[in-house]
């Protein structure tokens, strides 16, 4: 069966990962001074995490809304002006969704792109294909491929594969892998290959849900790649990262409320600690035994 339609949507994960860690202001009373290279390494990891994960999350939101598990899906303003085509197999066990930001919802050419309520401008398109059952079924697989897609001038290319490995209804669990490349307007590029596991711990309301991100079992790192300054890096999640919807809704907290990750560039290892569950946008970075507190900001400037 083939159907073509236009949809509006919003998922839990779009609340969780809207724009993740962007390096913000520091506590000026600290004695630690990070070098320009330190700040570049931290900022670039944050920029890649923000732009790539928000984009993948948006695609996941589209797929999840195709067959909401609990009827709790709301409109996702990020794709409300895009032209969306669905080709869905029998019983929705397989199919393809194309989200095109170069056309409006009426299938009219729109070279200026799609502007969301936050002022982010998206162009290009992405395609989602899935097989093996509905997105929340064990063994189902989804692949997200980006086609000349950009957000605010940042071009994102490549693909991600998401495989459902759940053994329980909650938490639903997925392994996420793949490589994406981000290209800046000045033509510098950065690549990021991820091997992560995502758990969605569901409650009776979205506000009480949480998402937990960990390093996929057996993987050497949660992420590896080369940043826009030509430096190779790796990211390890040493304590699972927990995102709280209630913290985002009440306190506008966009970063994990718990968890620790390590970013390694050259011989330097940065430890990023998000705390023990407090609803705030602060986190601590430690380098060579010295620490500094930073405040994250919800910013799409992306380094």
Foldseek 3Di string as FASTA:
>chain_A
DFDWADDFWDDLVCLQQVFEFAFFDWDVVFPDDDDPVRNQLVRQVSLCSGPVVNVVSVVVGVQCVVDPPPPQIDGDQVQQFWAKTWTADPVRQWTKIKTAQQAGNVRHGRNQGDQGPVRKGKHFIKMKIKHDGRPQDAFIKIKIAGGQIDIPQKGKGWMKMWGFHDPDSFFTKIWIWIKMKIAHPVRQIKMKTATKMKTWGDDPHSQAIKIKIAGHPPDPARMWIATSVRWTKTKHWPFIFMTGSNLCVPVVARYGCAGWMWMDTDHWIWIWTNYDRDSAQKIWIDTPRGIIITGGDRDNPSD
